[in-house]
Amino acid sequence: MSYKTILAITERDVSADTIGKALGVARVFDAHLTLLPIGEVPHLPFYGSGGHGYIDIWAKEFDQRKTELTTLASRLEDQLTREGISFDVRPVLSSEAREDNLVARHAIYCDLAVVLRSAENGLNSIEKNAIDGALFDSGRPVLYVPNSFNSDRIGTKVAIAWNSRREAARAVSDALPFLKAAEEITLLLVDPVVGDNDHGEDPGSDIATVLARHGLGVNVQSVVSADRAVSEALLDSLLELGSDLLVMGAYGHSRLRQNILGGTTREMLEQTSVPLFLSH
């Protein structure tokens, strides 16, 4: 198993360096790279007094965004042509309400969806909808690359957030190409509970044995949260290990519950400086 078709999702304001991160992943797996730059359709104006003037302003902004997206696509094509890889670029304008479905329809036909961040702070609507659509509606894993991550190579030192749950097991299986290319793999177990219904009698040993049968050597490390949130404990461990990829299951509860309560996945997306490999 390998990733032979990679979909990279980004927005209009994307730099050559950011695209280089997706390019690096495609090179590792000798994969075809599809770029999906998304521009948002301007919100429709309020149709009150002077409505025709507002419509003209909206139409001009729409045309401007369309032109900017076409210019971006041309620049990306030039950049990737110089790199000599197999690629295609699919620029698209979309309303915010349809972005998750748009991404899902493209992600279905790839092995891995890469969400490239081009800014700091909170996730914008395109990033949220890209993650949501790819994870829940395409059945494909997502590689989330924060803007602050500066290396072209992802996955030299891989950590796995293991909690003996379905989502984590799915993530480990989906991440096998990364794991097989890694130089070092560490299982992180935050406050593991011994017992048949939790982590077993020797926490981490069962999944380590499964990975060993793939020829992979794994270090097992228990992490004491010490009153920290799980996300904080994981992020601190990643910094200590020098990891450049965390594999984790995403959204153990429904999307609605996560939106109301937050959750470890959302906290990791908002706070991480290390790429995340997510499966649901």
Protein backbone atom coordinates (compact mmCIF):
# COMPACT_ATOMS: atom_id res chain seq x y z
CA MET A 1 0.00 0.00 0.00
CA SER A 2 1.16 3.50 -0.83
CA TYR A 3 -0.29 6.91 -1.64
CA LYS A 4 -0.29 7.33 -5.42
CA THR A 5 -2.83 10.13 -5.74
CA ILE A 6 -2.56 13.05 -3.31
CA LEU A 7 -5.09 15.88 -3.16
CA ALA A 8 -3.78 19.14 -1.67
CA ILE A 9 -6.42 21.68 -0.66
CA THR A 10 -5.57 25.33 -0.16
CA GLU A 11 -7.03 28.80 -0.48
CA ARG A 12 -6.20 31.70 -2.80
CA ASP A 13 -3.49 33.24 -0.62
CA VAL A 14 -0.97 30.42 -0.80
CA SER A 15 2.80 30.72 -1.12
CA ALA A 16 5.25 28.63 -3.12
CA ASP A 17 6.76 27.41 0.17
CA THR A 18 3.39 26.13 1.35
CA ILE A 19 2.87 24.24 -1.90
CA GLY A 20 6.38 22.85 -1.42
CA LYS A 21 5.17 20.94 1.64
CA ALA A 22 2.63 19.01 -0.44
CA LEU A 23 5.22 18.58 -3.15
CA GLY A 24 7.58 16.98 -0.61
CA VAL A 25 4.93 14.42 0.36
CA ALA A 26 4.23 13.60 -3.29
CA ARG A 27 7.95 13.05 -3.92
CA VAL A 28 8.32 10.64 -0.98
CA PHE A 29 5.62 8.38 -2.41
CA ASP A 30 6.23 9.07 -6.10
CA ALA A 31 2.59 10.18 -6.27
CA HIS A 32 0.46 12.27 -8.60
CA LEU A 33 -0.33 15.62 -6.96
CA THR A 34 -3.69 17.31 -7.51
CA LEU A 35 -3.95 20.87 -6.25
CA LEU A 36 -7.38 22.18 -5.32
CA PRO A 37 -7.14 25.95 -4.67
CA ILE A 38 -10.50 27.20 -3.41
CA GLY A 39 -11.78 30.75 -3.60
CA GLU A 40 -14.93 31.71 -1.74
CA VAL A 41 -17.79 33.33 -3.60
CA PRO A 42 -18.51 36.75 -2.00
CA HIS A 43 -21.52 36.83 0.30
CA LEU A 44 -24.59 38.20 -1.41
CA PRO A 45 -25.37 41.81 -0.45
CA PHE A 46 -28.40 42.91 1.49
CA TYR A 47 -31.08 43.84 -1.01
CA GLY A 48 -32.35 47.07 0.48
CA SER A 49 -32.14 50.62 -0.71
CA GLY A 50 -29.69 50.95 -3.57
CA GLY A 51 -29.79 47.22 -4.23
CA HIS A 52 -28.63 47.48 -7.83
CA GLY A 53 -25.46 49.25 -6.72
CA TYR A 54 -24.75 46.49 -4.23
CA ILE A 55 -25.22 43.86 -6.91
CA ASP A 56 -22.72 45.63 -9.14
CA ILE A 57 -20.19 45.69 -6.30
CA TRP A 58 -20.78 41.98 -5.64
CA ALA A 59 -20.35 41.13 -9.34
CA LYS A 60 -17.07 43.05 -9.53
CA GLU A 61 -15.75 41.30 -6.42
CA PHE A 62 -16.81 37.93 -7.84
CA ASP A 63 -14.97 38.64 -11.12
CA GLN A 64 -11.90 39.81 -9.20
CA ARG A 65 -11.75 36.62 -7.12
CA LYS A 66 -12.21 34.54 -10.25
CA THR A 67 -9.33 36.38 -11.94
CA GLU A 68 -7.12 35.97 -8.87
CA LEU A 69 -7.86 32.25 -8.79
CA THR A 70 -7.04 31.86 -12.49
CA THR A 71 -3.77 33.73 -11.97
CA LEU A 72 -2.93 31.52 -8.99
CA ALA A 73 -3.63 28.36 -11.00
CA SER A 74 -1.27 29.54 -13.73
CA ARG A 75 1.46 30.25 -11.17
CA LEU A 76 1.02 26.85 -9.56
CA GLU A 77 1.18 25.10 -12.91
CA ASP A 78 4.43 26.90 -13.72
CA GLN A 79 5.88 25.96 -10.31
CA LEU A 80 4.99 22.27 -10.58
CA THR A 81 6.07 22.02 -14.22
CA ARG A 82 9.56 23.08 -13.12
CA GLU A 83 9.51 20.33 -10.49
CA GLY A 84 8.96 17.63 -13.10
CA ILE A 85 6.23 15.70 -11.26
CA SER A 86 2.86 14.34 -12.32
CA PHE A 87 0.21 16.91 -11.36
CA ASP A 88 -2.98 18.75 -12.19
CA VAL A 89 -4.49 21.98 -10.82
CA ARG A 90 -8.24 22.42 -10.26
CA PRO A 91 -9.09 26.01 -9.25
CA VAL A 92 -12.67 26.48 -8.10
CA LEU A 93 -14.90 29.16 -6.65
CA SER A 94 -17.37 27.90 -4.10
CA SER A 95 -19.88 29.20 -1.60
CA GLU A 96 -18.96 28.53 2.02
CA ALA A 97 -22.00 26.27 2.45
CA ARG A 98 -20.85 23.89 -0.31
CA GLU A 99 -17.11 23.69 0.43
CA ASP A 100 -17.29 20.47 2.47
CA ASN A 101 -19.19 18.68 -0.30
CA LEU A 102 -16.82 20.08 -2.95
CA VAL A 103 -13.76 18.78 -1.11
CA ALA A 104 -15.39 15.41 -0.46
CA ARG A 105 -16.19 14.91 -4.15
CA HIS A 106 -12.54 15.46 -5.05
CA ALA A 107 -11.11 13.58 -2.06
CA ILE A 108 -13.02 10.40 -2.91
CA TYR A 109 -10.68 9.99 -5.87
CA CYS A 110 -7.41 10.27 -3.96
CA ASP A 111 -5.45 8.18 -1.45
CA LEU A 112 -4.64 11.07 0.87
CA ALA A 113 -6.10 14.56 1.30
CA VAL A 114 -3.65 17.25 2.42
CA VAL A 115 -4.98 20.45 4.00
CA LEU A 116 -2.38 23.20 3.64
CA ARG A 117 -2.63 26.13 6.03
CA SER A 118 -1.45 29.47 4.72
CA ALA A 119 -2.00 31.53 7.88
CA GLU A 120 -1.79 31.38 11.66
CA ASN A 121 -4.42 31.72 14.40
CA GLY A 122 -7.83 30.07 14.11
CA LEU A 123 -8.97 27.91 11.22
CA ASN A 124 -10.82 29.74 8.47
CA SER A 125 -13.98 28.45 6.82
CA ILE A 126 -12.20 26.79 3.89
CA GLU A 127 -9.86 24.87 6.23
CA LYS A 128 -12.67 23.79 8.55
CA ASN A 129 -14.86 22.66 5.66
CA ALA A 130 -11.98 20.89 3.91
CA ILE A 131 -11.18 18.84 7.01
CA ASP A 132 -14.85 18.17 7.66
CA GLY A 133 -15.66 17.11 4.09
CA ALA A 134 -12.60 14.93 3.63
CA LEU A 135 -12.85 13.16 7.00
CA PHE A 136 -16.58 12.53 7.17
CA ASP A 137 -17.73 12.34 3.57
CA SER A 138 -14.88 10.85 1.52
CA GLY A 139 -13.56 8.02 3.71
CA ARG A 140 -10.00 9.24 3.10
CA PRO A 141 -7.38 10.23 5.67
CA VAL A 142 -6.28 13.83 6.05
CA LEU A 143 -2.78 15.23 6.45
CA TYR A 144 -3.09 18.62 8.12
CA VAL A 145 0.00 20.82 7.70
CA PRO A 146 0.18 23.94 9.92
CA ASN A 147 1.65 27.10 8.48
CA SER A 148 4.35 27.22 11.16
CA PHE A 149 5.84 23.89 10.07
CA ASN A 150 8.94 24.75 8.04
CA SER A 151 10.44 21.44 6.89
CA ASP A 152 9.82 20.02 3.41
CA ARG A 153 10.03 16.47 4.80
CA ILE A 154 7.12 15.16 6.86
CA GLY A 155 7.24 11.86 8.71
CA THR A 156 10.88 11.24 9.64
CA LYS A 157 10.00 10.97 13.35
CA VAL A 158 6.41 9.81 13.71
CA ALA A 159 4.37 9.73 16.91
CA ILE A 160 1.08 7.86 17.26
CA ALA A 161 -1.60 8.99 19.73
CA TRP A 162 -2.88 5.57 20.82
CA ASN A 163 -6.02 5.16 22.92
CA SER A 164 -7.21 1.66 21.93
CA ARG A 165 -10.25 3.03 20.10
CA ARG A 166 -11.64 2.54 16.61
CA GLU A 167 -10.52 5.89 15.24
CA ALA A 168 -6.93 5.34 16.41
CA ALA A 169 -6.84 1.86 14.87
CA ARG A 170 -8.11 3.26 11.57
CA ALA A 171 -5.51 6.02 11.67
CA VAL A 172 -2.64 3.57 12.22
CA SER A 173 -3.81 1.44 9.30
CA ASP A 174 -4.25 4.44 6.98
CA ALA A 175 -0.84 5.84 7.98
CA LEU A 176 1.16 2.68 7.18
CA PRO A 177 2.92 4.26 4.15
CA PHE A 178 4.20 7.05 6.41
CA LEU A 179 5.12 4.60 9.14
CA LYS A 180 7.09 2.41 6.75
CA ALA A 181 9.04 5.44 5.52
CA ALA A 182 9.76 6.74 9.04
CA GLU A 183 13.10 6.54 10.80
CA GLU A 184 11.56 6.51 14.27
CA ILE A 185 8.07 5.65 15.59
CA THR A 186 6.79 6.34 19.10
CA LEU A 187 3.45 5.28 20.56
CA LEU A 188 2.11 7.90 22.96
CA LEU A 189 -0.43 6.70 25.53
CA VAL A 190 -1.90 9.45 27.67
CA ASP A 191 -2.90 8.12 31.11
CA PRO A 192 -3.33 4.51 29.88
CA VAL A 193 -5.71 2.32 31.88
CA VAL A 194 -4.75 -1.33 32.38
CA GLY A 195 -7.51 -3.81 31.63
CA ASP A 196 -9.17 -5.83 28.88
CA ASN A 197 -11.68 -3.07 28.12
CA ASP A 198 -9.00 -0.39 27.88
CA HIS A 199 -5.29 -0.72 27.00
CA GLY A 200 -4.80 -4.38 27.98
CA GLU A 201 -2.44 -5.77 30.59
CA ASP A 202 0.60 -4.19 28.94
CA PRO A 203 -0.55 -0.86 27.43
CA GLY A 204 0.67 -0.36 23.88
CA SER A 205 2.15 -3.82 23.44
CA ASP A 206 -0.70 -5.20 21.29
CA ILE A 207 -0.57 -2.49 18.62
CA ALA A 208 3.24 -2.51 18.79
CA THR A 209 3.11 -6.24 17.95
CA VAL A 210 0.80 -5.56 15.00
CA LEU A 211 3.25 -2.97 13.66
CA ALA A 212 6.21 -5.27 14.29
CA ARG A 213 4.63 -7.77 11.89
CA HIS A 214 4.96 -5.04 9.25
CA GLY A 215 8.66 -4.88 10.04
CA LEU A 216 8.33 -1.69 12.10
CA GLY A 217 10.15 -0.99 15.33
CA VAL A 218 8.10 1.02 17.83
CA ASN A 219 8.92 2.76 21.09
CA VAL A 220 6.08 2.82 23.65
CA GLN A 221 5.82 5.84 25.92
CA SER A 222 3.18 6.48 28.60
CA VAL A 223 2.37 10.13 29.17
CA VAL A 224 1.01 11.40 32.50
CA SER A 225 -1.33 14.30 31.83
CA ALA A 226 -0.86 15.77 35.33
CA ASP A 227 -4.00 17.93 35.08
CA ARG A 228 -3.18 19.01 31.53
CA ALA A 229 -5.66 18.57 28.68
CA VAL A 230 -4.92 15.54 26.47
CA SER A 231 -4.06 17.88 23.61
CA GLU A 232 -1.56 19.77 25.75
CA ALA A 233 0.05 16.55 26.98
CA LEU A 234 0.41 15.33 23.39
CA LEU A 235 1.82 18.62 22.11
CA ASP A 236 4.40 18.74 24.91
CA SER A 237 5.44 15.16 24.10
CA LEU A 238 5.82 15.98 20.40
CA LEU A 239 8.20 18.82 21.23
CA GLU A 240 10.25 16.60 23.55
CA LEU A 241 10.53 13.88 20.91
CA GLY A 242 11.22 16.25 18.01
CA SER A 243 8.40 14.58 16.06
CA ASP A 244 7.44 15.87 12.62
CA LEU A 245 4.13 13.96 12.33
CA LEU A 246 1.42 12.85 14.75
CA VAL A 247 -0.95 10.05 13.72
CA MET A 248 -4.27 10.19 15.54
CA GLY A 249 -7.90 9.21 15.27
CA ALA A 250 -10.20 12.18 14.75
CA TYR A 251 -13.55 13.11 16.25
CA GLY A 252 -14.59 10.26 18.49
CA HIS A 253 -18.01 11.93 18.84
CA SER A 254 -20.36 13.49 16.33
CA ARG A 255 -19.49 16.72 14.53
CA LEU A 256 -22.31 18.54 16.33
CA ARG A 257 -21.07 17.51 19.77
CA GLN A 258 -17.51 18.45 18.87
CA ASN A 259 -18.62 21.88 17.66
CA ILE A 260 -20.41 22.51 20.96
CA LEU A 261 -17.88 21.07 23.38
CA GLY A 262 -14.60 21.42 21.50
CA GLY A 263 -12.64 18.20 21.92
CA THR A 264 -9.09 16.96 21.55
CA THR A 265 -9.18 16.98 17.73
CA ARG A 266 -10.26 20.59 17.54
CA GLU A 267 -7.69 21.65 20.15
CA MET A 268 -4.92 19.86 18.26
CA LEU A 269 -5.91 21.50 14.97
CA GLU A 270 -5.88 24.95 16.56
CA GLN A 271 -2.66 24.59 18.56
CA THR A 272 -0.29 22.20 16.80
CA SER A 273 2.93 23.25 15.08
CA VAL A 274 3.46 19.64 13.91
CA PRO A 275 1.59 18.05 10.96
CA LEU A 276 -1.33 15.81 11.94
CA PHE A 277 -2.39 12.64 10.16
CA LEU A 278 -6.12 12.24 10.86
CA SER A 279 -8.56 9.41 10.19
CA HIS A 280 -12.15 8.92 11.27
